[in-house]
Structure formats: structure tokens, C-alpha cells
C-alpha atoms as a PDB file:
ATOM      1  CA  MET A   1      -4.223  -5.786   6.077  1.00  0.00           C
ATOM      2  CA  ARG A   2      -7.950  -5.377   6.558  1.00  0.00           C
ATOM      3  CA  ASP A   3      -8.610  -7.360   3.363  1.00  0.00           C
ATOM      4  CA  VAL A   4      -6.255 -10.133   4.533  1.00  0.00           C
ATOM      5  CA  ALA A   5      -8.040 -10.335   7.901  1.00  0.00           C
ATOM      6  CA  LYS A   6     -11.419 -10.404   6.166  1.00  0.00           C
ATOM      7  CA  ALA A   7     -10.210 -13.169   3.808  1.00  0.00           C
ATOM      8  CA  HIS A   8      -9.166 -15.289   6.800  1.00  0.00           C
ATOM      9  CA  LEU A   9     -12.606 -14.880   8.364  1.00  0.00           C
ATOM     10  CA  LEU A  10     -14.388 -15.679   5.108  1.00  0.00           C
ATOM     11  CA  ALA A  11     -12.206 -18.781   4.566  1.00  0.00           C
ATOM     12  CA  ALA A  12     -12.977 -20.010   8.081  1.00  0.00           C
ATOM     13  CA  GLN A  13     -16.705 -19.668   7.397  1.00  0.00           C
ATOM     14  CA  LYS A  14     -16.700 -21.540   4.062  1.00  0.00           C
ATOM     15  CA  SER A  15     -16.789 -25.341   3.952  1.00  0.00           C
ATOM     16  CA  ASN A  16     -15.563 -25.611   0.343  1.00  0.00           C
ATOM     17  CA  VAL A  17     -12.156 -23.956   0.943  1.00  0.00           C
ATOM     18  CA  ASN A  18     -10.298 -27.060   2.238  1.00  0.00           C
ATOM     19  CA  GLY A  19      -6.750 -25.696   2.454  1.00  0.00           C
ATOM     20  CA  GLN A  20      -6.831 -23.715  -0.789  1.00  0.00           C
ATOM     21  CA  ARG A  21      -4.492 -20.742  -1.080  1.00  0.00           C
ATOM     22  CA  PHE A  22      -5.675 -17.349  -2.247  1.00  0.00           C
ATOM     23  CA  LEU A  23      -3.841 -14.260  -3.459  1.00  0.00           C
ATOM     24  CA  ILE A  24      -5.130 -11.312  -1.474  1.00  0.00           C
ATOM     25  CA  VAL A  25      -4.073  -8.186  -3.342  1.00  0.00           C
ATOM     26  CA  ALA A  26      -6.401  -5.493  -4.623  1.00  0.00           C
ATOM     27  CA  LYS A  27      -3.914  -4.043  -7.109  1.00  0.00           C
ATOM     28  CA  GLY A  28      -0.222  -3.520  -7.675  1.00  0.00           C
ATOM     29  CA  GLN A  29       0.977   0.032  -7.240  1.00  0.00           C
ATOM     30  CA  PHE A  30       4.248   1.839  -7.834  1.00  0.00           C
ATOM     31  CA  ALA A  31       5.772   3.602  -4.822  1.00  0.00           C
ATOM     32  CA  ILE A  32       5.724   6.908  -6.682  1.00  0.00           C
ATOM     33  CA  GLU A  33       1.933   6.598  -7.028  1.00  0.00           C
ATOM     34  CA  ALA A  34       1.638   6.242  -3.260  1.00  0.00           C
ATOM     35  CA  THR A  35       3.851   9.273  -2.599  1.00  0.00           C
ATOM     36  CA  THR A  36       1.832  11.332  -5.091  1.00  0.00           C
ATOM     37  CA  LEU A  37      -1.366  10.321  -3.294  1.00  0.00           C
ATOM     38  CA  LEU A  38       0.065  11.125   0.146  1.00  0.00           C
ATOM     39  CA  ARG A  39       1.353  14.473  -1.084  1.00  0.00           C
ATOM     40  CA  LYS A  40      -2.129  15.300  -2.420  1.00  0.00           C
ATOM     41  CA  HIS A  41      -3.798  14.676   0.943  1.00  0.00           C
ATOM     42  CA  TYR A  42      -1.055  15.510   3.461  1.00  0.00           C
ATOM     43  CA  GLY A  43       1.415  17.651   1.494  1.00  0.00           C
ATOM     44  CA  ARG A  44       0.245  20.891   3.122  1.00  0.00           C
ATOM     45  CA  PHE A  45       1.487  19.594   6.472  1.00  0.00           C
ATOM     46  CA  TYR A  46       4.346  17.200   5.607  1.00  0.00           C
ATOM     47  CA  THR A  47       7.239  17.063   3.174  1.00  0.00           C
ATOM     48  CA  ILE A  48       6.745  13.871   1.231  1.00  0.00           C
ATOM     49  CA  ASN A  49       9.909  13.276  -0.740  1.00  0.00           C
ATOM     50  CA  ASP A  50       9.959  11.058  -3.781  1.00  0.00           C
ATOM     51  CA  SER A  51      13.041  12.491  -5.467  1.00  0.00           C
ATOM     52  CA  LYS A  52      14.834   9.119  -5.404  1.00  0.00           C
ATOM     53  CA  LEU A  53      11.821   7.491  -7.041  1.00  0.00           C
ATOM     54  CA  LYS A  54      11.830   9.955  -9.936  1.00  0.00           C
ATOM     55  CA  PHE A  55      15.291   8.942 -11.065  1.00  0.00           C
ATOM     56  CA  PRO A  56      15.312   5.138 -11.342  1.00  0.00           C
ATOM     57  CA  CYS A  57      18.462   5.198 -13.485  1.00  0.00           C
ATOM     58  CA  LEU A  58      20.375   6.581 -10.480  1.00  0.00           C
ATOM     59  CA  ILE A  59      18.919   3.877  -8.275  1.00  0.00           C
ATOM     60  CA  TYR A  60      20.170   1.191 -10.681  1.00  0.00           C
ATOM     61  CA  GLN A  61      23.623   2.794 -10.777  1.00  0.00           C
ATOM     62  CA  LEU A  62      23.912   3.129  -6.988  1.00  0.00           C
ATOM     63  CA  ALA A  63      22.344  -0.226  -6.050  1.00  0.00           C
ATOM     64  CA  PRO A  64      25.591  -2.251  -6.184  1.00  0.00           C
ATOM     65  CA  TYR A  65      27.227   0.185  -3.752  1.00  0.00           C
ATOM     66  CA  ASN A  66      24.400   1.151  -1.411  1.00  0.00           C
ATOM     67  CA  GLU A  67      22.137  -1.279   0.457  1.00  0.00           C
ATOM     68  CA  LYS A  68      19.282   1.227   0.682  1.00  0.00           C
ATOM     69  CA  MET A  69      19.350   1.752  -3.095  1.00  0.00           C
ATOM     70  CA  HIS A  70      19.560  -2.011  -3.614  1.00  0.00           C
ATOM     71  CA  ASN A  71      16.378  -2.460  -1.574  1.00  0.00           C
ATOM     72  CA  ILE A  72      14.608   0.249  -3.572  1.00  0.00           C
ATOM     73  CA  LYS A  73      15.819  -1.296  -6.853  1.00  0.00           C
ATOM     74  CA  THR A  74      14.112  -4.577  -6.010  1.00  0.00           C
ATOM     75  CA  ARG A  75      10.795  -2.693  -5.899  1.00  0.00           C
ATOM     76  CA  LEU A  76      11.175  -1.047  -9.311  1.00  0.00           C
ATOM     77  CA  GLY A  77       9.935  -2.597 -12.499  1.00  0.00           C
ATOM     78  CA  GLY A  78       6.690  -3.362 -14.232  1.00  0.00           C
ATOM     79  CA  GLN A  79       3.274  -3.187 -12.693  1.00  0.00           C
ATOM     80  CA  VAL A  80       2.475  -6.312 -10.672  1.00  0.00           C
ATOM     81  CA  THR A  81      -0.772  -8.046 -11.560  1.00  0.00           C
ATOM     82  CA  CYS A  82      -2.320 -11.024  -9.824  1.00  0.00           C
ATOM     83  CA  ASP A  83      -5.356 -13.131 -10.630  1.00  0.00           C
ATOM     84  CA  THR A  84      -7.656 -12.749  -7.639  1.00  0.00           C
ATOM     85  CA  THR A  85     -10.654 -14.446  -9.238  1.00  0.00           C
ATOM     86  CA  ALA A  86     -10.657 -17.263  -6.657  1.00  0.00           C
ATOM     87  CA  SER A  87     -10.669 -14.911  -3.669  1.00  0.00           C
ATOM     88  CA  ARG A  88     -13.546 -12.976  -5.198  1.00  0.00           C
ATOM     89  CA  GLU A  89     -15.616 -15.951  -6.391  1.00  0.00           C
ATOM     90  CA  ILE A  90     -14.930 -18.612  -3.746  1.00  0.00           C
ATOM     91  CA  LEU A  91     -14.524 -16.384  -0.692  1.00  0.00           C
ATOM     92  CA  GLY A  92     -16.786 -13.594  -1.905  1.00  0.00           C
ATOM     93  CA  LEU A  93     -14.126 -11.023  -0.970  1.00  0.00           C
ATOM     94  CA  GLU A  94     -14.717  -7.437  -2.069  1.00  0.00           C
ATOM     95  CA  TYR A  95     -11.483  -5.475  -1.998  1.00  0.00           C
ATOM     96  CA  ARG A  96     -11.118  -2.084  -0.401  1.00  0.00           C
ATOM     97  CA  SER A  97      -9.627   0.833  -2.295  1.00  0.00           C
ATOM     98  CA  VAL A  98      -5.808   0.686  -2.273  1.00  0.00           C
ATOM     99  CA  ASP A  99      -5.667   4.480  -2.317  1.00  0.00           C
ATOM    100  CA  GLN A 100      -7.926   4.694   0.741  1.00  0.00           C
ATOM    101  CA  GLY A 101      -5.724   2.139   2.507  1.00  0.00           C
ATOM    102  CA  ILE A 102      -2.589   4.196   1.866  1.00  0.00           C
ATOM    103  CA  VAL A 103      -4.220   7.403   3.085  1.00  0.00           C
ATOM    104  CA  ASP A 104      -5.617   5.596   6.153  1.00  0.00           C
ATOM    105  CA  MET A 105      -2.234   4.027   6.935  1.00  0.00           C
ATOM    106  CA  PHE A 106      -0.512   7.421   7.011  1.00  0.00           C
ATOM    107  CA  TYR A 107      -3.258   8.880   9.202  1.00  0.00           C
ATOM    108  CA  SER A 108      -3.000   5.890  11.570  1.00  0.00           C
ATOM    109  CA  LEU A 109       0.775   6.385  11.883  1.00  0.00           C
ATOM    110  CA  VAL A 110       0.136  10.000  12.874  1.00  0.00           C
ATOM    111  CA  GLU A 111      -2.555   8.943  15.381  1.00  0.00           C
ATOM    112  CA  ALA A 112      -0.206   6.350  16.907  1.00  0.00           C
ATOM    113  CA  GLY A 113       2.535   8.951  17.339  1.00  0.00           C
ATOM    114  CA  LEU A 114       4.922   7.231  14.928  1.00  0.00           C
ATOM    115  CA  ILE A 115       4.834  10.338  12.731  1.00  0.00           C
ATOM    116  CA  GLU A 116       4.833  13.777  14.358  1.00  0.00           C
ATOM    117  CA  ASN A 117       1.310  15.181  14.346  1.00  0.00           C
ATOM    118  CA  ARG A 118       1.332  18.344  12.235  1.00  0.00           C
ATOM    119  CA  LEU A 119      -2.327  18.070  11.282  1.00  0.00           C
ATOM    120  CA  PRO A 120      -4.714  20.827  12.376  1.00  0.00           C
ATOM    121  CA  ARG A 121      -7.160  19.909  15.140  1.00  0.00           C
ATOM    122  CA  ASN A 122     -10.145  19.947  12.803  1.00  0.00           C
ATOM    123  CA  PHE A 123      -8.432  17.745  10.166  1.00  0.00           C
ATOM    124  CA  GLU A 124     -10.562  14.751   9.206  1.00  0.00           C
ATOM    125  CA  ARG A 125      -9.279  11.480   7.773  1.00  0.00           C
ATOM    126  CA  PRO A 126      -9.592  11.818   3.984  1.00  0.00           C
ATOM    127  CA  LYS A 127     -12.385   9.762   2.405  1.00  0.00           C
ATOM    128  CA  LEU A 128     -11.750   8.738  -1.188  1.00  0.00           C
END
């Protein structure tokens, strides 16, 4: 979200944008990569379950019968790639690390009280 906000500001400051559309995505990432990352940084304090993600064949089999599995199925597949040349060259956007964004998002959810705080008092937000 921070990259999207920055892109809006950069577009507002540039006179040569004139209604152009830009893809704002640093990189595509599989959900299992995000859970692996979260487990690495927060796994001592939280159970981060990715068991459903490890067995995509079960997800495909259950999808017709279970709405939750259907929603997960729509997110499975090949790695998503997007050409972000225009956002980099025209807007001058430099993307943040996706991994840092995921780690920061989890930490922010804990800070906001949306996830029970099990972190020790001296725990610092991970810097990647």
C-alpha cells in the first residue's frame, strides 16, 4: 500500500502522466512464501499454519464443495509477473521489498490489536 500511495503522489507531481495507468506491483509471490517468511520471523510466538497450502491437489478436489477452498484455489497457479517499466521510468518509483512489507503488515496487525500480542516487550520490528 505504501508503494501505491507513493505512486499516486508521484503521478500528481508529474506533468507528463496525463491519465496514464500504471501497474504498481513489486513482485508476485505465492502465499506459501509469505507464510514461510512469517514463520521465520514470528514462528517462535505464533502458530503460522500453511498445511492447506502444501497440498494444492486437495484444494482442487475440495474447491467445488467448499467456498473457502474455492477462494484459495483461485490464488494458486503460476507466478504472476507484471511489466512495471512505466512506473519505474515515468514515475521514478522505487519499489519497497515485498518481504519487508509482509513482515511489517503482520507486526502492524499485532500493534493494532487485530492479532493477540504474544511478542516479548523488547521485540523489535524485523528489518530485512
